[in-house]
C-alpha cells in the first residue's frame, strides 16, 4: 500500500506511470468510454481548507470511475471537535477505500497516514500541493513542453513552490525561483530537494529578481501572493510583492513560445496581469481540467498497489 503525501516518495518512473494512466483515462472519457475501474469503492474527502477545484475534481473523478466520494468538512466530523487524528484515521480507513485530506499542517496528514489502513492522498497542505503538480506536468506533456524544460516560478515561497522544487529534483530539469526577500522557500525542504537533485541532474536556483528567473525560461508559473489563512497580511504582501506580477514585459523575457501556468484562483492585477492570463487562458484551464484526469490516474494507480 502506498500513500501520496509528497512527490518525494515516488520515482520519476512511478510519477510518469500515474500520469500515463490519467492520460489514458482522459482519452477514453473524451471518446465517451467510461471504465468503472474503482467500482463500488469509496473515497473520504476531509476538508479543513475549502476548495473549488479539489472538491469538484475528486468527487467527479470518483463518480466517473464508478465509485463514491464523501465530503467531510471539519464541521461534520469529530476531528474538528477534539478527536485525536489517529482515532479518526482508524475509524474512517476501516470504512472507506481511500482518503483525501486538504488541511493546514503536513504533520497532520502524515500522522493520519501512519494510522490509516488505506491510501491517503494529500489534497493540499501548507507545505505541499503534489496533486496540482501532477496536473501541471500532465498539461506540459500534452503541450509538448517537457523537453529541455526550464521553469521559472515567480511569487511566494509556498506549497506550490515546494512542490515544483520536488518535481524538478525528481525529473532533473532546471527550476528558478524568484521570491521577495523574507518570503523565500523553506530552507529544510530546499536542502532536501537539492540532495535529491544530485541524482537526477536537476538544477534548483533561488533568487529575489523575477526578471533573472524568467529570462529564457520555457515555462513561467505563479500563484496567489496571499494563501488561505494569510488574509490579514494581504495589504502588506501587495506592497512587498510589487514588481513580481507576471505581465507582458516579464513574459517577453522568456522564450518566444514559453507556456504560462497558474494553479488558480488567479487574481488579475496582482500576481498576473489580465493580458497575460487571457493570452494563456487555454492552457491554464486545460491545467485546471487536468486535476480531474491526473487524480483519477493517481487513485487507480494507488488502488492497484493494494493488490
C-alpha atoms as a PDB file:
ATOM      1  CA  UNK A   1       0.000   0.000   0.000  1.00  0.00           C
ATOM      2  CA  UNK A   2       1.231   3.479  -0.880  1.00  0.00           C
ATOM      3  CA  UNK A   3       0.247   6.952   0.312  1.00  0.00           C
ATOM      4  CA  UNK A   4       0.569  10.110  -1.807  1.00  0.00           C
ATOM      5  CA  UNK A   5       1.756  12.743   0.670  1.00  0.00           C
ATOM      6  CA  UNK A   6       4.563  14.391  -1.341  1.00  0.00           C
ATOM      7  CA  UNK A   7       6.335  13.645  -4.613  1.00  0.00           C
ATOM      8  CA  UNK A   8       9.397  12.731  -2.557  1.00  0.00           C
ATOM      9  CA  UNK A   9       8.192   9.158  -2.018  1.00  0.00           C
ATOM     10  CA  UNK A  10       7.806   8.404  -5.747  1.00  0.00           C
ATOM     11  CA  UNK A  11      10.305   7.744  -8.500  1.00  0.00           C
ATOM     12  CA  UNK A  12      10.169   9.592 -11.790  1.00  0.00           C
ATOM     13  CA  UNK A  13       9.020   6.368 -13.445  1.00  0.00           C
ATOM     14  CA  UNK A  14       6.163   5.942 -10.969  1.00  0.00           C
ATOM     15  CA  UNK A  15       5.007   9.533 -11.443  1.00  0.00           C
ATOM     16  CA  UNK A  16       5.011   9.035 -15.216  1.00  0.00           C
ATOM     17  CA  UNK A  17       3.037   5.797 -14.781  1.00  0.00           C
ATOM     18  CA  UNK A  18       0.411   7.724 -12.840  1.00  0.00           C
ATOM     19  CA  UNK A  19       0.274  10.442 -15.492  1.00  0.00           C
ATOM     20  CA  UNK A  20       0.097   7.935 -18.362  1.00  0.00           C
ATOM     21  CA  UNK A  21      -2.794   6.228 -16.568  1.00  0.00           C
ATOM     22  CA  UNK A  22      -4.525   9.579 -16.214  1.00  0.00           C
ATOM     23  CA  UNK A  23      -3.968  10.466 -19.863  1.00  0.00           C
ATOM     24  CA  UNK A  24      -5.404   7.124 -20.961  1.00  0.00           C
ATOM     25  CA  UNK A  25      -8.476   7.680 -18.776  1.00  0.00           C
ATOM     26  CA  UNK A  26      -8.824  11.199 -20.212  1.00  0.00           C
ATOM     27  CA  UNK A  27      -8.614   9.866 -23.762  1.00  0.00           C
ATOM     28  CA  UNK A  28     -11.305   7.284 -23.037  1.00  0.00           C
ATOM     29  CA  UNK A  29     -13.533   9.934 -21.456  1.00  0.00           C
ATOM     30  CA  UNK A  30     -13.244  12.204 -24.495  1.00  0.00           C
ATOM     31  CA  UNK A  31     -14.300   9.222 -26.636  1.00  0.00           C
ATOM     32  CA  UNK A  32     -17.295   8.538 -24.406  1.00  0.00           C
ATOM     33  CA  UNK A  33     -15.746   5.453 -22.796  1.00  0.00           C
ATOM     34  CA  UNK A  34     -16.246   5.154 -19.042  1.00  0.00           C
ATOM     35  CA  UNK A  35     -14.344   2.342 -17.369  1.00  0.00           C
ATOM     36  CA  UNK A  36     -15.538   1.707 -13.820  1.00  0.00           C
ATOM     37  CA  UNK A  37     -12.054   0.993 -12.531  1.00  0.00           C
ATOM     38  CA  UNK A  38     -12.963   1.802  -8.922  1.00  0.00           C
ATOM     39  CA  UNK A  39     -16.478   0.375  -8.966  1.00  0.00           C
ATOM     40  CA  UNK A  40     -18.106   0.231  -5.518  1.00  0.00           C
ATOM     41  CA  UNK A  41     -15.093   1.909  -3.881  1.00  0.00           C
ATOM     42  CA  UNK A  42     -15.408   4.934  -1.579  1.00  0.00           C
ATOM     43  CA  UNK A  43     -13.211   7.995  -1.076  1.00  0.00           C
ATOM     44  CA  UNK A  44     -13.459  10.002   2.141  1.00  0.00           C
ATOM     45  CA  UNK A  45     -12.646  13.655   1.419  1.00  0.00           C
ATOM     46  CA  UNK A  46     -11.646  15.581   4.559  1.00  0.00           C
ATOM     47  CA  UNK A  47     -11.617  19.347   4.061  1.00  0.00           C
ATOM     48  CA  UNK A  48     -10.134  21.559   6.748  1.00  0.00           C
ATOM     49  CA  UNK A  49      -9.435  24.058   3.943  1.00  0.00           C
ATOM     50  CA  UNK A  50     -12.181  24.765   1.396  1.00  0.00           C
ATOM     51  CA  UNK A  51     -11.588  24.473  -2.346  1.00  0.00           C
ATOM     52  CA  UNK A  52     -13.397  24.646  -5.679  1.00  0.00           C
ATOM     53  CA  UNK A  53     -11.102  22.519  -7.865  1.00  0.00           C
ATOM     54  CA  UNK A  54     -10.133  19.939  -5.257  1.00  0.00           C
ATOM     55  CA  UNK A  55     -13.690  19.027  -4.307  1.00  0.00           C
ATOM     56  CA  UNK A  56     -15.116  19.055  -7.831  1.00  0.00           C
ATOM     57  CA  UNK A  57     -12.220  17.106  -9.352  1.00  0.00           C
ATOM     58  CA  UNK A  58     -12.086  14.351  -6.724  1.00  0.00           C
ATOM     59  CA  UNK A  59     -15.849  13.974  -6.430  1.00  0.00           C
ATOM     60  CA  UNK A  60     -16.411  13.965 -10.199  1.00  0.00           C
ATOM     61  CA  UNK A  61     -13.445  11.668 -10.718  1.00  0.00           C
ATOM     62  CA  UNK A  62     -14.780   9.064  -8.315  1.00  0.00           C
ATOM     63  CA  UNK A  63     -18.205   9.179  -9.955  1.00  0.00           C
ATOM     64  CA  UNK A  64     -16.693   8.667 -13.409  1.00  0.00           C
ATOM     65  CA  UNK A  65     -14.697   5.698 -12.086  1.00  0.00           C
ATOM     66  CA  UNK A  66     -17.871   4.060 -10.760  1.00  0.00           C
ATOM     67  CA  UNK A  67     -17.113   4.980  -7.153  1.00  0.00           C
ATOM     68  CA  UNK A  68     -18.481   7.282  -4.482  1.00  0.00           C
ATOM     69  CA  UNK A  69     -16.938  10.259  -2.666  1.00  0.00           C
ATOM     70  CA  UNK A  70     -17.959  11.542   0.764  1.00  0.00           C
ATOM     71  CA  UNK A  71     -17.438  15.237   1.549  1.00  0.00           C
ATOM     72  CA  UNK A  72     -16.397  15.704   5.187  1.00  0.00           C
ATOM     73  CA  UNK A  73     -15.669  19.197   6.488  1.00  0.00           C
ATOM     74  CA  UNK A  74     -14.200  19.716   9.950  1.00  0.00           C
ATOM     75  CA  UNK A  75     -17.683  20.832  11.000  1.00  0.00           C
ATOM     76  CA  UNK A  76     -19.098  17.429  10.043  1.00  0.00           C
ATOM     77  CA  UNK A  77     -16.707  15.088  11.837  1.00  0.00           C
ATOM     78  CA  UNK A  78     -15.245  14.793  15.326  1.00  0.00           C
ATOM     79  CA  UNK A  79     -11.754  15.567  14.014  1.00  0.00           C
ATOM     80  CA  UNK A  80     -12.708  19.236  14.145  1.00  0.00           C
ATOM     81  CA  UNK A  81     -14.066  18.877  17.672  1.00  0.00           C
ATOM     82  CA  UNK A  82     -11.209  17.320  19.558  1.00  0.00           C
ATOM     83  CA  UNK A  83     -10.979  13.681  18.459  1.00  0.00           C
ATOM     84  CA  UNK A  84      -7.335  12.608  18.034  1.00  0.00           C
ATOM     85  CA  UNK A  85      -6.190  12.339  14.421  1.00  0.00           C
ATOM     86  CA  UNK A  86      -5.125   8.730  14.947  1.00  0.00           C
ATOM     87  CA  UNK A  87      -8.616   7.731  16.089  1.00  0.00           C
ATOM     88  CA  UNK A  88     -10.306   9.426  13.141  1.00  0.00           C
ATOM     89  CA  UNK A  89      -7.821   7.721  10.816  1.00  0.00           C
ATOM     90  CA  UNK A  90      -8.517   4.271  12.199  1.00  0.00           C
ATOM     91  CA  UNK A  91     -12.293   4.738  12.017  1.00  0.00           C
ATOM     92  CA  UNK A  92     -12.522   6.236   8.521  1.00  0.00           C
ATOM     93  CA  UNK A  93      -9.978   3.857   7.000  1.00  0.00           C
ATOM     94  CA  UNK A  94     -11.936   0.896   8.340  1.00  0.00           C
ATOM     95  CA  UNK A  95     -14.967   2.000   6.307  1.00  0.00           C
ATOM     96  CA  UNK A  96     -13.545   3.655   3.174  1.00  0.00           C
ATOM     97  CA  UNK A  97     -11.134   2.508   0.472  1.00  0.00           C
ATOM     98  CA  UNK A  98      -9.146   5.738   0.167  1.00  0.00           C
ATOM     99  CA  UNK A  99      -8.844   9.101   1.930  1.00  0.00           C
ATOM    100  CA  UNK A 100      -8.058  12.563   0.556  1.00  0.00           C
ATOM    101  CA  UNK A 101      -7.185  15.313   3.014  1.00  0.00           C
ATOM    102  CA  UNK A 102      -6.895  19.052   2.396  1.00  0.00           C
ATOM    103  CA  UNK A 103      -5.539  20.673   5.541  1.00  0.00           C
ATOM    104  CA  UNK A 104      -3.012  23.051   7.066  1.00  0.00           C
ATOM    105  CA  UNK A 105      -0.167  21.128   8.731  1.00  0.00           C
ATOM    106  CA  UNK A 106       1.803  18.485   6.813  1.00  0.00           C
ATOM    107  CA  UNK A 107       2.314  16.715  10.148  1.00  0.00           C
ATOM    108  CA  UNK A 108      -1.441  16.151  10.458  1.00  0.00           C
ATOM    109  CA  UNK A 109      -1.711  14.260   7.164  1.00  0.00           C
ATOM    110  CA  UNK A 110       1.431  12.271   7.939  1.00  0.00           C
ATOM    111  CA  UNK A 111       0.029  11.226  11.310  1.00  0.00           C
ATOM    112  CA  UNK A 112      -3.283  10.290   9.682  1.00  0.00           C
ATOM    113  CA  UNK A 113      -1.493   8.159   7.083  1.00  0.00           C
ATOM    114  CA  UNK A 114       0.565   6.370   9.728  1.00  0.00           C
ATOM    115  CA  UNK A 115      -2.666   5.054  11.308  1.00  0.00           C
ATOM    116  CA  UNK A 116      -4.657   4.549   8.106  1.00  0.00           C
ATOM    117  CA  UNK A 117      -5.356   1.101   6.657  1.00  0.00           C
ATOM    118  CA  UNK A 118      -5.973   2.606   3.189  1.00  0.00           C
ATOM    119  CA  UNK A 119      -4.095   5.006   0.866  1.00  0.00           C
ATOM    120  CA  UNK A 120      -4.087   8.668   1.907  1.00  0.00           C
ATOM    121  CA  UNK A 121      -3.791  11.475  -0.670  1.00  0.00           C
ATOM    122  CA  UNK A 122      -2.522  14.960   0.075  1.00  0.00           C
ATOM    123  CA  UNK A 123      -5.076  17.339  -1.447  1.00  0.00           C
ATOM    124  CA  UNK A 124      -3.016  20.291  -0.152  1.00  0.00           C
ATOM    125  CA  UNK A 125      -1.155  21.286   2.993  1.00  0.00           C
ATOM    126  CA  UNK A 126       0.741  24.444   3.871  1.00  0.00           C
ATOM    127  CA  UNK A 127       3.932  22.633   2.809  1.00  0.00           C
ATOM    128  CA  UNK A 128       2.985  20.774  -0.395  1.00  0.00           C
ATOM    129  CA  UNK A 129       0.395  20.552  -3.160  1.00  0.00           C
ATOM    130  CA  UNK A 130       1.502  17.425  -5.062  1.00  0.00           C
ATOM    131  CA  UNK A 131      -1.755  16.661  -6.903  1.00  0.00           C
ATOM    132  CA  UNK A 132      -1.529  20.088  -8.547  1.00  0.00           C
ATOM    133  CA  UNK A 133       1.950  19.275  -9.830  1.00  0.00           C
ATOM    134  CA  UNK A 134       0.599  16.085 -11.401  1.00  0.00           C
ATOM    135  CA  UNK A 135      -1.894  18.232 -13.310  1.00  0.00           C
ATOM    136  CA  UNK A 136       0.771  20.797 -14.223  1.00  0.00           C
ATOM    137  CA  UNK A 137       3.179  18.244 -15.652  1.00  0.00           C
ATOM    138  CA  UNK A 138       0.374  16.406 -17.446  1.00  0.00           C
ATOM    139  CA  UNK A 139      -0.506  19.697 -19.114  1.00  0.00           C
ATOM    140  CA  UNK A 140       3.098  20.235 -20.210  1.00  0.00           C
ATOM    141  CA  UNK A 141       3.160  16.694 -21.613  1.00  0.00           C
ATOM    142  CA  UNK A 142       0.055  17.409 -23.678  1.00  0.00           C
ATOM    143  CA  UNK A 143       1.560  20.655 -24.979  1.00  0.00           C
ATOM    144  CA  UNK A 144       4.919  19.046 -25.868  1.00  0.00           C
ATOM    145  CA  UNK A 145       6.688  21.285 -23.366  1.00  0.00           C
ATOM    146  CA  UNK A 146       8.666  18.796 -21.263  1.00  0.00           C
ATOM    147  CA  UNK A 147      11.830  18.577 -23.376  1.00  0.00           C
ATOM    148  CA  UNK A 148      14.657  20.889 -22.258  1.00  0.00           C
ATOM    149  CA  UNK A 149      12.329  22.249 -19.616  1.00  0.00           C
ATOM    150  CA  UNK A 150      13.431  25.411 -17.824  1.00  0.00           C
ATOM    151  CA  UNK A 151      10.743  26.519 -15.378  1.00  0.00           C
ATOM    152  CA  UNK A 152      10.516  29.874 -13.619  1.00  0.00           C
ATOM    153  CA  UNK A 153       8.378  30.289 -10.511  1.00  0.00           C
ATOM    154  CA  UNK A 154       7.631  33.905  -9.578  1.00  0.00           C
ATOM    155  CA  UNK A 155       5.979  34.793  -6.271  1.00  0.00           C
ATOM    156  CA  UNK A 156       5.659  33.435  -2.741  1.00  0.00           C
ATOM    157  CA  UNK A 157       7.809  30.587  -1.421  1.00  0.00           C
ATOM    158  CA  UNK A 158       4.779  28.457  -0.587  1.00  0.00           C
ATOM    159  CA  UNK A 159       3.422  24.917  -1.004  1.00  0.00           C
ATOM    160  CA  UNK A 160       3.324  25.267  -4.796  1.00  0.00           C
ATOM    161  CA  UNK A 161       6.955  26.367  -4.883  1.00  0.00           C
ATOM    162  CA  UNK A 162       7.976  23.441  -2.678  1.00  0.00           C
ATOM    163  CA  UNK A 163       6.131  21.007  -4.948  1.00  0.00           C
ATOM    164  CA  UNK A 164       7.779  22.444  -8.066  1.00  0.00           C
ATOM    165  CA  UNK A 165      11.128  22.007  -6.317  1.00  0.00           C
ATOM    166  CA  UNK A 166      10.397  18.360  -5.599  1.00  0.00           C
ATOM    167  CA  UNK A 167       9.294  17.747  -9.200  1.00  0.00           C
ATOM    168  CA  UNK A 168      12.455  19.385 -10.581  1.00  0.00           C
ATOM    169  CA  UNK A 169      14.562  17.298  -8.198  1.00  0.00           C
ATOM    170  CA  UNK A 170      12.869  14.065  -9.299  1.00  0.00           C
ATOM    171  CA  UNK A 171      12.699  14.815 -13.032  1.00  0.00           C
ATOM    172  CA  UNK A 172      16.054  16.553 -13.442  1.00  0.00           C
ATOM    173  CA  UNK A 173      15.035  19.848 -15.054  1.00  0.00           C
ATOM    174  CA  UNK A 174      16.052  23.415 -14.215  1.00  0.00           C
ATOM    175  CA  UNK A 175      13.850  25.430 -11.864  1.00  0.00           C
ATOM    176  CA  UNK A 176      14.431  29.075 -10.984  1.00  0.00           C
ATOM    177  CA  UNK A 177      12.501  30.534  -8.060  1.00  0.00           C
ATOM    178  CA  UNK A 178      12.138  34.278  -7.558  1.00  0.00           C
ATOM    179  CA  UNK A 179      10.620  35.484  -4.290  1.00  0.00           C
ATOM    180  CA  UNK A 180      10.803  38.780  -2.383  1.00  0.00           C
ATOM    181  CA  UNK A 181      13.303  38.885   0.465  1.00  0.00           C
ATOM    182  CA  UNK A 182      11.764  37.324   3.552  1.00  0.00           C
ATOM    183  CA  UNK A 183       9.361  35.173   1.520  1.00  0.00           C
ATOM    184  CA  UNK A 184      11.817  32.523   0.365  1.00  0.00           C
ATOM    185  CA  UNK A 185      11.128  28.796   0.282  1.00  0.00           C
ATOM    186  CA  UNK A 186      11.502  26.620   3.363  1.00  0.00           C
ATOM    187  CA  UNK A 187      15.252  26.067   3.841  1.00  0.00           C
ATOM    188  CA  UNK A 188      14.840  22.470   5.029  1.00  0.00           C
ATOM    189  CA  UNK A 189      12.698  21.484   2.028  1.00  0.00           C
ATOM    190  CA  UNK A 190      15.124  23.237  -0.329  1.00  0.00           C
ATOM    191  CA  UNK A 191      18.077  21.325   1.126  1.00  0.00           C
ATOM    192  CA  UNK A 192      16.174  18.068   0.773  1.00  0.00           C
ATOM    193  CA  UNK A 193      15.325  18.792  -2.862  1.00  0.00           C
ATOM    194  CA  UNK A 194      18.892  19.818  -3.691  1.00  0.00           C
ATOM    195  CA  UNK A 195      20.117  16.493  -2.289  1.00  0.00           C
ATOM    196  CA  UNK A 196      17.626  14.547  -4.441  1.00  0.00           C
ATOM    197  CA  UNK A 197      18.565  16.663  -7.480  1.00  0.00           C
ATOM    198  CA  UNK A 198      22.157  15.428  -7.259  1.00  0.00           C
ATOM    199  CA  UNK A 199      20.925  12.047  -8.510  1.00  0.00           C
ATOM    200  CA  UNK A 200      18.745  13.380 -11.348  1.00  0.00           C
ATOM    201  CA  UNK A 201      20.882  16.277 -12.546  1.00  0.00           C
ATOM    202  CA  UNK A 202      18.148  18.728 -11.632  1.00  0.00           C
ATOM    203  CA  UNK A 203      19.058  22.367 -11.043  1.00  0.00           C
ATOM    204  CA  UNK A 204      17.203  24.491  -8.476  1.00  0.00           C
ATOM    205  CA  UNK A 205      18.120  28.158  -8.171  1.00  0.00           C
ATOM    206  CA  UNK A 206      16.627  30.663  -5.743  1.00  0.00           C
ATOM    207  CA  UNK A 207      16.813  34.430  -6.172  1.00  0.00           C
ATOM    208  CA  UNK A 208      14.998  37.679  -5.486  1.00  0.00           C
ATOM    209  CA  UNK A 209      14.955  39.050  -9.046  1.00  0.00           C
ATOM    210  CA  UNK A 210      11.964  37.786 -11.080  1.00  0.00           C
ATOM    211  CA  UNK A 211      13.455  39.009 -14.359  1.00  0.00           C
ATOM    212  CA  UNK A 212      16.549  36.895 -13.795  1.00  0.00           C
ATOM    213  CA  UNK A 213      14.369  33.854 -13.138  1.00  0.00           C
ATOM    214  CA  UNK A 214      12.168  34.309 -16.210  1.00  0.00           C
ATOM    215  CA  UNK A 215      14.941  35.051 -18.737  1.00  0.00           C
ATOM    216  CA  UNK A 216      14.829  32.356 -21.470  1.00  0.00           C
ATOM    217  CA  UNK A 217      12.512  30.131 -19.411  1.00  0.00           C
ATOM    218  CA  UNK A 218      10.281  27.711 -21.311  1.00  0.00           C
ATOM    219  CA  UNK A 219       7.603  27.703 -18.592  1.00  0.00           C
ATOM    220  CA  UNK A 220       6.584  30.540 -16.290  1.00  0.00           C
ATOM    221  CA  UNK A 221       4.307  29.863 -13.334  1.00  0.00           C
ATOM    222  CA  UNK A 222       2.989  31.738 -10.326  1.00  0.00           C
ATOM    223  CA  UNK A 223       0.422  31.543  -7.540  1.00  0.00           C
ATOM    224  CA  UNK A 224      -1.565  33.880  -5.334  1.00  0.00           C
ATOM    225  CA  UNK A 225       0.546  36.094  -3.088  1.00  0.00           C
ATOM    226  CA  UNK A 226      -1.838  35.579  -0.174  1.00  0.00           C
ATOM    227  CA  UNK A 227      -2.709  31.965   0.608  1.00  0.00           C
ATOM    228  CA  UNK A 228      -5.620  30.780   2.746  1.00  0.00           C
ATOM    229  CA  UNK A 229      -5.025  31.715   6.371  1.00  0.00           C
ATOM    230  CA  UNK A 230      -2.894  34.765   5.439  1.00  0.00           C
ATOM    231  CA  UNK A 231      -5.758  37.143   4.685  1.00  0.00           C
ATOM    232  CA  UNK A 232      -4.695  39.591   7.388  1.00  0.00           C
ATOM    233  CA  UNK A 233      -1.351  40.003   5.569  1.00  0.00           C
ATOM    234  CA  UNK A 234      -2.894  40.826   2.179  1.00  0.00           C
ATOM    235  CA  UNK A 235      -2.293  44.598   2.049  1.00  0.00           C
ATOM    236  CA  UNK A 236       1.265  44.251   3.325  1.00  0.00           C
ATOM    237  CA  UNK A 237       2.003  41.467   0.843  1.00  0.00           C
ATOM    238  CA  UNK A 238       0.677  43.509  -2.087  1.00  0.00           C
ATOM    239  CA  UNK A 239       3.263  46.195  -1.270  1.00  0.00           C
ATOM    240  CA  UNK A 240       6.124  43.743  -0.729  1.00  0.00           C
ATOM    241  CA  UNK A 241       5.387  41.760  -3.900  1.00  0.00           C
ATOM    242  CA  UNK A 242       5.368  44.872  -6.086  1.00  0.00           C
ATOM    243  CA  UNK A 243       7.397  44.032  -9.197  1.00  0.00           C
ATOM    244  CA  UNK A 244       6.543  40.320  -9.079  1.00  0.00           C
ATOM    245  CA  UNK A 245       3.470  40.468 -11.336  1.00  0.00           C
ATOM    246  CA  UNK A 246       3.833  38.273 -14.420  1.00  0.00           C
ATOM    247  CA  UNK A 247       2.884  40.763 -17.132  1.00  0.00           C
ATOM    248  CA  UNK A 248       3.699  41.132 -20.827  1.00  0.00           C
ATOM    249  CA  UNK A 249       7.044  42.785 -20.081  1.00  0.00           C
ATOM    250  CA  UNK A 250       8.090  39.897 -17.852  1.00  0.00           C
ATOM    251  CA  UNK A 251       6.836  37.190 -20.241  1.00  0.00           C
ATOM    252  CA  UNK A 252       8.770  38.859 -23.082  1.00  0.00           C
ATOM    253  CA  UNK A 253      11.973  37.837 -21.284  1.00  0.00           C
ATOM    254  CA  UNK A 254      11.053  34.151 -21.546  1.00  0.00           C
ATOM    255  CA  UNK A 255      11.304  32.011 -24.685  1.00  0.00           C
ATOM    256  CA  UNK A 256       9.070  33.077 -27.551  1.00  0.00           C
ATOM    257  CA  UNK A 257       6.801  30.045 -27.123  1.00  0.00           C
ATOM    258  CA  UNK A 258       7.003  29.921 -23.320  1.00  0.00           C
ATOM    259  CA  UNK A 259       3.995  28.424 -21.554  1.00  0.00           C
ATOM    260  CA  UNK A 260       2.305  30.153 -18.630  1.00  0.00           C
ATOM    261  CA  UNK A 261       0.727  28.095 -15.837  1.00  0.00           C
ATOM    262  CA  UNK A 262      -1.384  29.082 -12.835  1.00  0.00           C
ATOM    263  CA  UNK A 263      -2.978  26.701 -10.326  1.00  0.00           C
ATOM    264  CA  UNK A 264      -5.940  29.099  -9.775  1.00  0.00           C
ATOM    265  CA  UNK A 265      -7.696  31.034  -8.432  1.00  0.00           C
ATOM    266  CA  UNK A 266      -5.927  33.846 -10.306  1.00  0.00           C
ATOM    267  CA  UNK A 267      -6.042  37.420  -9.052  1.00  0.00           C
ATOM    268  CA  UNK A 268      -5.568  39.617 -12.108  1.00  0.00           C
ATOM    269  CA  UNK A 269      -3.629  42.770 -11.468  1.00  0.00           C
ATOM    270  CA  UNK A 270      -1.683  41.133  -8.641  1.00  0.00           C
ATOM    271  CA  UNK A 271       0.394  38.003  -9.397  1.00  0.00           C
ATOM    272  CA  UNK A 272      -0.593  38.035 -13.091  1.00  0.00           C
ATOM    273  CA  UNK A 273      -1.853  40.687 -15.469  1.00  0.00           C
ATOM    274  CA  UNK A 274      -5.209  40.383 -17.214  1.00  0.00           C
ATOM    275  CA  UNK A 275      -3.419  40.381 -20.581  1.00  0.00           C
ATOM    276  CA  UNK A 276      -1.053  37.512 -19.778  1.00  0.00           C
ATOM    277  CA  UNK A 277      -3.763  35.440 -18.151  1.00  0.00           C
ATOM    278  CA  UNK A 278      -6.191  35.754 -21.069  1.00  0.00           C
ATOM    279  CA  UNK A 279      -3.455  35.187 -23.637  1.00  0.00           C
ATOM    280  CA  UNK A 280      -2.603  31.883 -21.961  1.00  0.00           C
ATOM    281  CA  UNK A 281      -6.094  31.024 -20.672  1.00  0.00           C
ATOM    282  CA  UNK A 282      -6.473  27.944 -22.880  1.00  0.00           C
ATOM    283  CA  UNK A 283      -3.521  26.158 -21.316  1.00  0.00           C
ATOM    284  CA  UNK A 284      -4.398  27.425 -17.798  1.00  0.00           C
ATOM    285  CA  UNK A 285      -7.910  25.990 -17.965  1.00  0.00           C
ATOM    286  CA  UNK A 286      -6.617  22.773 -19.520  1.00  0.00           C
ATOM    287  CA  UNK A 287      -4.308  22.643 -16.491  1.00  0.00           C
ATOM    288  CA  UNK A 288      -7.342  23.090 -14.235  1.00  0.00           C
ATOM    289  CA  UNK A 289      -9.272  20.319 -16.012  1.00  0.00           C
ATOM    290  CA  UNK A 290      -6.263  18.043 -15.712  1.00  0.00           C
ATOM    291  CA  UNK A 291      -6.688  17.993 -11.936  1.00  0.00           C
ATOM    292  CA  UNK A 292      -9.618  15.657 -12.699  1.00  0.00           C
ATOM    293  CA  UNK A 293      -7.681  13.348 -15.007  1.00  0.00           C
ATOM    294  CA  UNK A 294      -4.365  13.297 -13.125  1.00  0.00           C
ATOM    295  CA  UNK A 295      -6.133  12.481  -9.859  1.00  0.00           C
ATOM    296  CA  UNK A 296      -8.125   9.685 -11.476  1.00  0.00           C
ATOM    297  CA  UNK A 297      -4.851   8.248 -12.690  1.00  0.00           C
ATOM    298  CA  UNK A 298      -3.435   8.574  -9.191  1.00  0.00           C
ATOM    299  CA  UNK A 299      -6.392   6.881  -7.488  1.00  0.00           C
ATOM    300  CA  UNK A 300      -6.458   3.990  -9.954  1.00  0.00           C
ATOM    301  CA  UNK A 301      -2.684   3.567  -9.550  1.00  0.00           C
ATOM    302  CA  UNK A 302      -2.862   3.629  -5.741  1.00  0.00           C
ATOM    303  CA  UNK A 303      -5.725   1.142  -5.741  1.00  0.00           C
ATOM    304  CA  UNK A 304      -3.698  -1.277  -7.860  1.00  0.00           C
ATOM    305  CA  UNK A 305      -0.804  -1.085  -5.397  1.00  0.00           C
ATOM    306  CA  UNK A 306      -3.048  -2.556  -2.739  1.00  0.00           C
ATOM    307  CA  UNK A 307      -3.399  -5.723  -4.799  1.00  0.00           C
END
